[in-house]
All heavy atoms as atom14 arrays in JSON, in Angstrom:
{
  "sequence": "SNASSSNNCYAYLSYSWFADTFTECDITYVNAGIGGTDSWLGVHRA",
  "atom14_mask": [
    [1, 1, 1, 1, 1, 1, 0, 0, 0, 0, 0, 0, 0, 0],
    [1, 1, 1, 1, 1, 1, 1, 1, 0, 0, 0, 0, 0, 0],
    [1, 1, 1, 1, 1, 0, 0, 0, 0, 0, 0, 0, 0, 0],
    [1, 1, 1, 1, 1, 1, 0, 0, 0, 0, 0, 0, 0, 0],
    [1, 1, 1, 1, 1, 1, 0, 0, 0, 0, 0, 0, 0, 0],
    [1, 1, 1, 1, 1, 1, 0, 0, 0, 0, 0, 0, 0, 0],
    [1, 1, 1, 1, 1, 1, 1, 1, 0, 0, 0, 0, 0, 0],
    [1, 1, 1, 1, 1, 1, 1, 1, 0, 0, 0, 0, 0, 0],
    [1, 1, 1, 1, 1, 1, 0, 0, 0, 0, 0, 0, 0, 0],
    [1, 1, 1, 1, 1, 1, 1, 1, 1, 1, 1, 1, 0, 0],
    [1, 1, 1, 1, 1, 0, 0, 0, 0, 0, 0, 0, 0, 0],
    [1, 1, 1, 1, 1, 1, 1, 1, 1, 1, 1, 1, 0, 0],
    [1, 1, 1, 1, 1, 1, 1, 1, 0, 0, 0, 0, 0, 0],
    [1, 1, 1, 1, 1, 1, 0, 0, 0, 0, 0, 0, 0, 0],
    [1, 1, 1, 1, 1, 1, 1, 1, 1, 1, 1, 1, 0, 0],
    [1, 1, 1, 1, 1, 1, 0, 0, 0, 0, 0, 0, 0, 0],
    [1, 1, 1, 1, 1, 1, 1, 1, 1, 1, 1, 1, 1, 1],
    [1, 1, 1, 1, 1, 1, 1, 1, 1, 1, 1, 0, 0, 0],
    [1, 1, 1, 1, 1, 0, 0, 0, 0, 0, 0, 0, 0, 0],
    [1, 1, 1, 1, 1, 1, 1, 1, 0, 0, 0, 0, 0, 0],
    [1, 1, 1, 1, 1, 1, 1, 0, 0, 0, 0, 0, 0, 0],
    [1, 1, 1, 1, 1, 1, 1, 1, 1, 1, 1, 0, 0, 0],
    [1, 1, 1, 1, 1, 1, 1, 0, 0, 0, 0, 0, 0, 0],
    [1, 1, 1, 1, 1, 1, 1, 1, 1, 0, 0, 0, 0, 0],
    [1, 1, 1, 1, 1, 1, 0, 0, 0, 0, 0, 0, 0, 0],
    [1, 1, 1, 1, 1, 1, 1, 1, 0, 0, 0, 0, 0, 0],
    [1, 1, 1, 1, 1, 1, 1, 1, 0, 0, 0, 0, 0, 0],
    [1, 1, 1, 1, 1, 1, 1, 0, 0, 0, 0, 0, 0, 0],
    [1, 1, 1, 1, 1, 1, 1, 1, 1, 1, 1, 1, 0, 0],
    [1, 1, 1, 1, 1, 1, 1, 0, 0, 0, 0, 0, 0, 0],
    [1, 1, 1, 1, 1, 1, 1, 1, 0, 0, 0, 0, 0, 0],
    [1, 1, 1, 1, 1, 0, 0, 0, 0, 0, 0, 0, 0, 0],
    [1, 1, 1, 1, 0, 0, 0, 0, 0, 0, 0, 0, 0, 0],
    [1, 1, 1, 1, 1, 1, 1, 1, 0, 0, 0, 0, 0, 0],
    [1, 1, 1, 1, 0, 0, 0, 0, 0, 0, 0, 0, 0, 0],
    [1, 1, 1, 1, 0, 0, 0, 0, 0, 0, 0, 0, 0, 0],
    [1, 1, 1, 1, 1, 1, 1, 0, 0, 0, 0, 0, 0, 0],
    [1, 1, 1, 1, 1, 1, 1, 1, 0, 0, 0, 0, 0, 0],
    [1, 1, 1, 1, 1, 1, 0, 0, 0, 0, 0, 0, 0, 0],
    [1, 1, 1, 1, 1, 1, 1, 1, 1, 1, 1, 1, 1, 1],
    [1, 1, 1, 1, 1, 1, 1, 1, 0, 0, 0, 0, 0, 0],
    [1, 1, 1, 1, 0, 0, 0, 0, 0, 0, 0, 0, 0, 0],
    [1, 1, 1, 1, 1, 1, 1, 0, 0, 0, 0, 0, 0, 0],
    [1, 1, 1, 1, 1, 1, 1, 1, 1, 1, 0, 0, 0, 0],
    [1, 1, 1, 1, 1, 1, 1, 1, 1, 1, 1, 0, 0, 0],
    [1, 1, 1, 1, 1, 0, 0, 0, 0, 0, 0, 0, 0, 0]
  ],
  "atom14_positions": [
    [[15.1, 129.74, 28.48], [16.04, 129.28, 27.46], [17.17, 130.28, 27.24], [16.95, 131.48, 27.14], [15.3, 129.05, 26.13], [14.47, 127.93, 26.23], [0.0, 0.0, 0.0], [0.0, 0.0, 0.0], [0.0, 0.0, 0.0], [0.0, 0.0, 0.0], [0.0, 0.0, 0.0], [0.0, 0.0, 0.0], [0.0, 0.0, 0.0], [0.0, 0.0, 0.0]],
    [[18.36, 129.74, 27.17], [19.61, 130.45, 26.91], [20.09, 131.32, 28.06], [21.14, 131.96, 27.95], [19.54, 131.26, 25.62], [19.67, 130.38, 24.38], [19.25, 129.23, 24.39], [20.25, 130.92, 23.34], [0.0, 0.0, 0.0], [0.0, 0.0, 0.0], [0.0, 0.0, 0.0], [0.0, 0.0, 0.0], [0.0, 0.0, 0.0], [0.0, 0.0, 0.0]],
    [[19.36, 131.39, 29.15], [19.93, 131.98, 30.36], [20.95, 131.0, 30.92], [20.81, 129.77, 30.77], [18.84, 132.26, 31.39], [0.0, 0.0, 0.0], [0.0, 0.0, 0.0], [0.0, 0.0, 0.0], [0.0, 0.0, 0.0], [0.0, 0.0, 0.0], [0.0, 0.0, 0.0], [0.0, 0.0, 0.0], [0.0, 0.0, 0.0], [0.0, 0.0, 0.0]],
    [[21.97, 131.5, 31.57], [23.03, 130.62, 32.06], [22.56, 129.69, 33.17], [23.15, 128.64, 33.41], [24.22, 131.45, 32.55], [23.81, 132.34, 33.58], [0.0, 0.0, 0.0], [0.0, 0.0, 0.0], [0.0, 0.0, 0.0], [0.0, 0.0, 0.0], [0.0, 0.0, 0.0], [0.0, 0.0, 0.0], [0.0, 0.0, 0.0], [0.0, 0.0, 0.0]],
    [[21.47, 130.06, 33.84], [20.84, 129.19, 34.83], [19.38, 129.62, 34.98], [19.0, 130.71, 34.55], [21.55, 129.27, 36.19], [21.24, 130.49, 36.84], [0.0, 0.0, 0.0], [0.0, 0.0, 0.0], [0.0, 0.0, 0.0], [0.0, 0.0, 0.0], [0.0, 0.0, 0.0], [0.0, 0.0, 0.0], [0.0, 0.0, 0.0], [0.0, 0.0, 0.0]],
    [[18.58, 128.77, 35.59], [17.16, 129.12, 35.77], [17.0, 130.36, 36.64], [16.01, 131.08, 36.51], [16.42, 127.93, 36.4], [16.97, 127.59, 37.66], [0.0, 0.0, 0.0], [0.0, 0.0, 0.0], [0.0, 0.0, 0.0], [0.0, 0.0, 0.0], [0.0, 0.0, 0.0], [0.0, 0.0, 0.0], [0.0, 0.0, 0.0], [0.0, 0.0, 0.0]],
    [[17.95, 130.63, 37.51], [17.88, 131.82, 38.37], [18.28, 133.09, 37.64], [18.17, 134.19, 38.19], [18.76, 131.65, 39.6], [18.19, 130.65, 40.58], [17.1, 130.12, 40.38], [18.92, 130.38, 41.65], [0.0, 0.0, 0.0], [0.0, 0.0, 0.0], [0.0, 0.0, 0.0], [0.0, 0.0, 0.0], [0.0, 0.0, 0.0], [0.0, 0.0, 0.0]],
    [[18.77, 132.95, 36.4], [19.17, 134.12, 35.62], [18.19, 134.46, 34.51], [18.46, 135.33, 33.69], [20.56, 133.91, 35.02], [21.66, 133.97, 36.08], [21.55, 134.74, 37.03], [22.69, 133.16, 35.92], [0.0, 0.0, 0.0], [0.0, 0.0, 0.0], [0.0, 0.0, 0.0], [0.0, 0.0, 0.0], [0.0, 0.0, 0.0], [0.0, 0.0, 0.0]],
    [[17.04, 133.77, 34.47], [16.04, 134.12, 33.47], [15.25, 135.33, 33.96], [15.19, 135.62, 35.16], [15.11, 132.94, 33.19], [13.89, 132.59, 34.47], [0.0, 0.0, 0.0], [0.0, 0.0, 0.0], [0.0, 0.0, 0.0], [0.0, 0.0, 0.0], [0.0, 0.0, 0.0], [0.0, 0.0, 0.0], [0.0, 0.0, 0.0], [0.0, 0.0, 0.0]],
    [[14.62, 136.04, 33.04], [13.94, 137.28, 33.4], [12.84, 137.04, 34.44], [12.6, 137.9, 35.31], [13.34, 137.95, 32.15], [11.95, 137.48, 31.8], [10.82, 138.0, 32.44], [11.75, 136.47, 30.86], [9.55, 137.55, 32.15], [10.48, 136.02, 30.56], [9.39, 136.55, 31.22], [8.13, 136.09, 30.94], [0.0, 0.0, 0.0], [0.0, 0.0, 0.0]],
    [[12.18, 135.88, 34.37], [11.08, 135.62, 35.29], [11.59, 135.53, 36.73], [11.05, 136.17, 37.64], [10.35, 134.33, 34.9], [0.0, 0.0, 0.0], [0.0, 0.0, 0.0], [0.0, 0.0, 0.0], [0.0, 0.0, 0.0], [0.0, 0.0, 0.0], [0.0, 0.0, 0.0], [0.0, 0.0, 0.0], [0.0, 0.0, 0.0], [0.0, 0.0, 0.0]],
    [[12.63, 134.75, 36.93], [13.14, 134.6, 38.29], [13.75, 135.9, 38.79], [13.61, 136.27, 39.97], [14.17, 133.48, 38.36], [14.5, 133.08, 39.78], [13.74, 132.12, 40.44], [15.55, 133.68, 40.47], [14.02, 131.76, 41.75], [15.84, 133.34, 41.78], [15.07, 132.37, 42.41], [15.34, 132.04, 43.72], [0.0, 0.0, 0.0], [0.0, 0.0, 0.0]],
    [[14.43, 136.63, 37.91], [15.03, 137.9, 38.31], [13.98, 138.9, 38.77], [14.15, 139.59, 39.78], [15.85, 138.49, 37.16], [17.12, 137.74, 36.75], [17.7, 138.32, 35.46], [18.16, 137.77, 37.87], [0.0, 0.0, 0.0], [0.0, 0.0, 0.0], [0.0, 0.0, 0.0], [0.0, 0.0, 0.0], [0.0, 0.0, 0.0], [0.0, 0.0, 0.0]],
    [[12.88, 139.0, 38.03], [11.84, 139.97, 38.41], [11.05, 139.5, 39.62], [10.63, 140.31, 40.45], [10.92, 140.25, 37.22], [10.35, 139.06, 36.72], [0.0, 0.0, 0.0], [0.0, 0.0, 0.0], [0.0, 0.0, 0.0], [0.0, 0.0, 0.0], [0.0, 0.0, 0.0], [0.0, 0.0, 0.0], [0.0, 0.0, 0.0], [0.0, 0.0, 0.0]],
    [[10.86, 138.2, 39.76], [10.27, 137.66, 40.99], [11.12, 137.98, 42.2], [10.62, 138.33, 43.28], [10.07, 136.15, 40.84], [10.27, 135.37, 42.1], [9.31, 135.36, 43.12], [11.43, 134.61, 42.29], [9.51, 134.64, 44.29], [11.63, 133.89, 43.44], [10.67, 133.91, 44.44], [10.87, 133.2, 45.58], [0.0, 0.0, 0.0], [0.0, 0.0, 0.0]],
    [[12.44, 137.9, 42.02], [13.36, 138.16, 43.14], [13.23, 139.59, 43.64], [13.48, 139.86, 44.83], [14.8, 137.88, 42.71], [14.98, 136.51, 42.42], [0.0, 0.0, 0.0], [0.0, 0.0, 0.0], [0.0, 0.0, 0.0], [0.0, 0.0, 0.0], [0.0, 0.0, 0.0], [0.0, 0.0, 0.0], [0.0, 0.0, 0.0], [0.0, 0.0, 0.0]],
    [[12.84, 140.52, 42.76], [12.63, 141.9, 43.21], [11.55, 141.93, 44.28], [11.69, 142.63, 45.29], [12.26, 142.79, 42.03], [12.07, 144.22, 42.43], [13.03, 145.2, 42.44], [10.86, 144.84, 42.9], [12.49, 146.39, 42.89], [11.16, 146.19, 43.18], [9.57, 144.38, 43.11], [10.22, 147.09, 43.66], [8.62, 145.28, 43.59], [8.94, 146.61, 43.86]],
    [[10.47, 141.2, 44.08], [9.4, 141.16, 45.09], [9.91, 140.52, 46.38], [9.64, 141.01, 47.48], [8.2, 140.38, 44.56], [7.28, 141.2, 43.72], [7.49, 141.33, 42.36], [6.21, 141.87, 44.29], [6.64, 142.11, 41.58], [5.36, 142.65, 43.53], [5.58, 142.77, 42.17], [0.0, 0.0, 0.0], [0.0, 0.0, 0.0], [0.0, 0.0, 0.0]],
    [[10.65, 139.42, 46.25], [11.16, 138.75, 47.45], [12.12, 139.64, 48.22], [12.15, 139.62, 49.45], [11.85, 137.44, 47.05], [0.0, 0.0, 0.0], [0.0, 0.0, 0.0], [0.0, 0.0, 0.0], [0.0, 0.0, 0.0], [0.0, 0.0, 0.0], [0.0, 0.0, 0.0], [0.0, 0.0, 0.0], [0.0, 0.0, 0.0], [0.0, 0.0, 0.0]],
    [[12.91, 140.44, 47.51], [13.88, 141.31, 48.16], [13.24, 142.58, 48.72], [13.79, 143.2, 49.64], [14.98, 141.72, 47.16], [15.87, 140.55, 46.77], [15.82, 139.51, 47.46], [16.6, 140.68, 45.77], [0.0, 0.0, 0.0], [0.0, 0.0, 0.0], [0.0, 0.0, 0.0], [0.0, 0.0, 0.0], [0.0, 0.0, 0.0], [0.0, 0.0, 0.0]],
    [[12.11, 142.96, 48.18], [11.45, 144.19, 48.62], [10.46, 143.94, 49.74], [10.45, 144.65, 50.75], [10.73, 144.87, 47.43], [11.7, 145.25, 46.46], [9.97, 146.1, 47.89], [0.0, 0.0, 0.0], [0.0, 0.0, 0.0], [0.0, 0.0, 0.0], [0.0, 0.0, 0.0], [0.0, 0.0, 0.0], [0.0, 0.0, 0.0], [0.0, 0.0, 0.0]],
    [[9.64, 142.93, 49.58], [8.59, 142.64, 50.57], [9.06, 141.46, 51.42], [8.75, 140.31, 51.15], [7.27, 142.35, 49.86], [6.82, 143.48, 49.0], [6.93, 143.41, 47.62], [6.3, 144.64, 49.57], [6.51, 144.46, 46.82], [5.89, 145.7, 48.78], [5.99, 145.61, 47.41], [0.0, 0.0, 0.0], [0.0, 0.0, 0.0], [0.0, 0.0, 0.0]],
    [[9.81, 141.78, 52.43], [10.55, 140.74, 53.15], [9.78, 140.07, 54.28], [10.33, 139.21, 54.95], [11.85, 141.35, 53.72], [11.51, 142.42, 54.58], [12.74, 141.82, 52.6], [0.0, 0.0, 0.0], [0.0, 0.0, 0.0], [0.0, 0.0, 0.0], [0.0, 0.0, 0.0], [0.0, 0.0, 0.0], [0.0, 0.0, 0.0], [0.0, 0.0, 0.0]],
    [[8.54, 140.45, 54.48], [7.77, 139.79, 55.52], [6.76, 138.81, 54.96], [6.19, 138.0, 55.68], [7.04, 140.83, 56.4], [6.46, 140.23, 57.66], [5.94, 141.29, 58.61], [4.75, 141.65, 58.49], [6.72, 141.77, 59.45], [0.0, 0.0, 0.0], [0.0, 0.0, 0.0], [0.0, 0.0, 0.0], [0.0, 0.0, 0.0], [0.0, 0.0, 0.0]],
    [[6.52, 138.85, 53.66], [5.5, 137.97, 53.08], [6.14, 136.73, 52.48], [7.32, 136.7, 52.12], [4.67, 138.71, 52.04], [5.56, 139.12, 50.55], [0.0, 0.0, 0.0], [0.0, 0.0, 0.0], [0.0, 0.0, 0.0], [0.0, 0.0, 0.0], [0.0, 0.0, 0.0], [0.0, 0.0, 0.0], [0.0, 0.0, 0.0], [0.0, 0.0, 0.0]],
    [[5.32, 135.71, 52.36], [5.72, 134.44, 51.78], [5.34, 134.49, 50.3], [4.17, 134.48, 49.96], [4.97, 133.32, 52.51], [5.53, 131.95, 52.2], [6.55, 131.87, 51.5], [4.93, 130.95, 52.64], [0.0, 0.0, 0.0], [0.0, 0.0, 0.0], [0.0, 0.0, 0.0], [0.0, 0.0, 0.0], [0.0, 0.0, 0.0], [0.0, 0.0, 0.0]],
    [[6.35, 134.54, 49.43], [6.11, 134.77, 48.01], [6.32, 133.48, 47.23], [7.36, 132.84, 47.32], [7.02, 135.88, 47.45], [6.81, 137.17, 48.25], [6.73, 136.11, 45.98], [7.66, 138.33, 47.78], [0.0, 0.0, 0.0], [0.0, 0.0, 0.0], [0.0, 0.0, 0.0], [0.0, 0.0, 0.0], [0.0, 0.0, 0.0], [0.0, 0.0, 0.0]],
    [[5.31, 133.09, 46.45], [5.37, 131.89, 45.63], [5.61, 132.25, 44.17], [4.94, 133.13, 43.62], [4.06, 131.08, 45.75], [3.88, 130.7, 47.11], [4.12, 129.82, 44.89], [0.0, 0.0, 0.0], [0.0, 0.0, 0.0], [0.0, 0.0, 0.0], [0.0, 0.0, 0.0], [0.0, 0.0, 0.0], [0.0, 0.0, 0.0], [0.0, 0.0, 0.0]],
    [[6.56, 131.57, 43.56], [6.96, 131.81, 42.17], [6.45, 130.65, 41.31], [6.73, 129.5, 41.58], [8.48, 131.9, 42.12], [9.14, 131.84, 40.77], [9.04, 132.89, 39.87], [9.93, 130.75, 40.42], [9.71, 132.86, 38.65], [10.6, 130.7, 39.2], [10.48, 131.75, 38.32], [11.14, 131.72, 37.11], [0.0, 0.0, 0.0], [0.0, 0.0, 0.0]],
    [[5.68, 130.98, 40.28], [5.15, 129.97, 39.36], [5.65, 130.3, 37.96], [5.3, 131.34, 37.4], [3.6, 129.96, 39.37], [3.07, 128.94, 38.35], [3.08, 129.64, 40.76], [0.0, 0.0, 0.0], [0.0, 0.0, 0.0], [0.0, 0.0, 0.0], [0.0, 0.0, 0.0], [0.0, 0.0, 0.0], [0.0, 0.0, 0.0], [0.0, 0.0, 0.0]],
    [[6.46, 129.42, 37.4], [6.95, 129.62, 36.04], [6.26, 128.61, 35.13], [6.57, 127.42, 35.17], [8.46, 129.46, 35.95], [9.01, 129.89, 34.59], [8.37, 129.68, 33.56], [10.19, 130.48, 34.58], [0.0, 0.0, 0.0], [0.0, 0.0, 0.0], [0.0, 0.0, 0.0], [0.0, 0.0, 0.0], [0.0, 0.0, 0.0], [0.0, 0.0, 0.0]],
    [[5.3, 129.07, 34.34], [4.54, 128.21, 33.44], [4.96, 128.41, 31.99], [4.14, 128.32, 31.07], [3.04, 128.46, 33.61], [0.0, 0.0, 0.0], [0.0, 0.0, 0.0], [0.0, 0.0, 0.0], [0.0, 0.0, 0.0], [0.0, 0.0, 0.0], [0.0, 0.0, 0.0], [0.0, 0.0, 0.0], [0.0, 0.0, 0.0], [0.0, 0.0, 0.0]],
    [[6.24, 128.68, 31.77], [6.75, 128.79, 30.41], [7.01, 127.42, 29.81], [7.57, 126.55, 30.48], [0.0, 0.0, 0.0], [0.0, 0.0, 0.0], [0.0, 0.0, 0.0], [0.0, 0.0, 0.0], [0.0, 0.0, 0.0], [0.0, 0.0, 0.0], [0.0, 0.0, 0.0], [0.0, 0.0, 0.0], [0.0, 0.0, 0.0], [0.0, 0.0, 0.0]],
    [[6.61, 127.21, 28.57], [6.9, 125.98, 27.83], [7.42, 126.36, 26.45], [6.74, 127.07, 25.69], [5.67, 125.07, 27.69], [5.16, 124.6, 29.05], [6.0, 123.86, 26.81], [3.95, 123.68, 28.98], [0.0, 0.0, 0.0], [0.0, 0.0, 0.0], [0.0, 0.0, 0.0], [0.0, 0.0, 0.0], [0.0, 0.0, 0.0], [0.0, 0.0, 0.0]],
    [[8.61, 125.9, 26.12], [9.24, 126.26, 24.88], [8.43, 125.87, 23.65], [7.81, 124.81, 23.6], [0.0, 0.0, 0.0], [0.0, 0.0, 0.0], [0.0, 0.0, 0.0], [0.0, 0.0, 0.0], [0.0, 0.0, 0.0], [0.0, 0.0, 0.0], [0.0, 0.0, 0.0], [0.0, 0.0, 0.0], [0.0, 0.0, 0.0], [0.0, 0.0, 0.0]],
    [[8.42, 126.76, 22.66], [7.76, 126.49, 21.4], [6.26, 126.58, 21.43], [5.6, 126.2, 20.45], [0.0, 0.0, 0.0], [0.0, 0.0, 0.0], [0.0, 0.0, 0.0], [0.0, 0.0, 0.0], [0.0, 0.0, 0.0], [0.0, 0.0, 0.0], [0.0, 0.0, 0.0], [0.0, 0.0, 0.0], [0.0, 0.0, 0.0], [0.0, 0.0, 0.0]],
    [[5.68, 127.11, 22.49], [4.22, 127.18, 22.58], [3.72, 128.6, 22.37], [4.43, 129.56, 22.65], [3.72, 126.66, 23.94], [4.23, 127.48, 24.99], [4.18, 125.22, 24.17], [0.0, 0.0, 0.0], [0.0, 0.0, 0.0], [0.0, 0.0, 0.0], [0.0, 0.0, 0.0], [0.0, 0.0, 0.0], [0.0, 0.0, 0.0], [0.0, 0.0, 0.0]],
    [[2.49, 128.7, 21.9], [1.89, 130.01, 21.67], [0.67, 130.19, 22.55], [0.39, 129.37, 23.43], [1.56, 130.19, 20.18], [0.54, 129.17, 19.67], [-0.08, 128.47, 20.49], [0.34, 129.09, 18.44], [0.0, 0.0, 0.0], [0.0, 0.0, 0.0], [0.0, 0.0, 0.0], [0.0, 0.0, 0.0], [0.0, 0.0, 0.0], [0.0, 0.0, 0.0]],
    [[-0.1, 131.25, 22.32], [-1.21, 131.55, 23.21], [-2.4, 130.62, 23.01], [-3.3, 130.58, 23.86], [-1.65, 133.02, 23.06], [-2.1, 133.29, 21.75], [0.0, 0.0, 0.0], [0.0, 0.0, 0.0], [0.0, 0.0, 0.0], [0.0, 0.0, 0.0], [0.0, 0.0, 0.0], [0.0, 0.0, 0.0], [0.0, 0.0, 0.0], [0.0, 0.0, 0.0]],
    [[-2.45, 129.83, 21.91], [-3.49, 128.81, 21.81], [-3.29, 127.78, 22.92], [-4.21, 127.47, 23.67], [-3.46, 128.13, 20.44], [-4.59, 127.13, 20.24], [-5.8, 127.39, 19.67], [-4.61, 125.75, 20.62], [-6.59, 126.25, 19.67], [-5.88, 125.23, 20.25], [-3.7, 124.91, 21.24], [-6.24, 123.9, 20.48], [-4.05, 123.58, 21.47], [-5.32, 123.09, 21.09]],
    [[-2.06, 127.28, 23.03], [-1.78, 126.36, 24.13], [-1.88, 127.08, 25.47], [-2.34, 126.52, 26.45], [-0.39, 125.73, 23.96], [-0.37, 124.5, 23.04], [1.03, 124.21, 22.55], [-0.96, 123.29, 23.74], [0.0, 0.0, 0.0], [0.0, 0.0, 0.0], [0.0, 0.0, 0.0], [0.0, 0.0, 0.0], [0.0, 0.0, 0.0], [0.0, 0.0, 0.0]],
    [[-1.48, 128.34, 25.5], [-1.55, 129.11, 26.75], [-2.95, 129.23, 27.29], [-3.19, 129.03, 28.48], [0.0, 0.0, 0.0], [0.0, 0.0, 0.0], [0.0, 0.0, 0.0], [0.0, 0.0, 0.0], [0.0, 0.0, 0.0], [0.0, 0.0, 0.0], [0.0, 0.0, 0.0], [0.0, 0.0, 0.0], [0.0, 0.0, 0.0], [0.0, 0.0, 0.0]],
    [[-3.91, 129.55, 26.43], [-5.29, 129.74, 26.91], [-5.9, 128.4, 27.32], [-6.74, 128.35, 28.23], [-6.15, 130.46, 25.86], [-6.54, 129.56, 24.7], [-7.39, 131.07, 26.5], [0.0, 0.0, 0.0], [0.0, 0.0, 0.0], [0.0, 0.0, 0.0], [0.0, 0.0, 0.0], [0.0, 0.0, 0.0], [0.0, 0.0, 0.0], [0.0, 0.0, 0.0]],
    [[-5.48, 127.3, 26.69], [-6.02, 125.99, 27.06], [-5.43, 125.46, 28.36], [-6.1, 124.69, 29.07], [-5.8, 124.99, 25.92], [-6.73, 125.18, 24.76], [-6.47, 126.07, 23.75], [-7.93, 124.61, 24.46], [-7.47, 126.04, 22.87], [-8.36, 125.16, 23.28], [0.0, 0.0, 0.0], [0.0, 0.0, 0.0], [0.0, 0.0, 0.0], [0.0, 0.0, 0.0]],
    [[-4.21, 125.83, 28.67], [-3.6, 125.33, 29.9], [-3.55, 126.38, 31.01], [-2.97, 126.13, 32.07], [-2.2, 124.79, 29.62], [-1.17, 125.82, 29.16], [0.14, 125.15, 28.75], [1.15, 126.12, 28.36], [2.0, 126.71, 29.19], [1.97, 126.43, 30.49], [2.89, 127.58, 28.75], [0.0, 0.0, 0.0], [0.0, 0.0, 0.0], [0.0, 0.0, 0.0]],
    [[-4.16, 127.52, 30.8], [-4.09, 128.6, 31.78], [-4.62, 128.18, 33.14], [-4.03, 128.51, 34.18], [-4.83, 129.83, 31.27], [0.0, 0.0, 0.0], [0.0, 0.0, 0.0], [0.0, 0.0, 0.0], [0.0, 0.0, 0.0], [0.0, 0.0, 0.0], [0.0, 0.0, 0.0], [0.0, 0.0, 0.0], [0.0, 0.0, 0.0], [0.0, 0.0, 0.0]]
  ]
}
């Protein structure tokens, strides 16, 4: 939320560090963020 694009959110930016550093491996990015949710919902959908 409020990043100018999905590629500019902290999650994608920090994931990109792995992709840029470890260039021989196949890296999968999973973003399981849901707006307005807390860890009660987090532990149930983990």
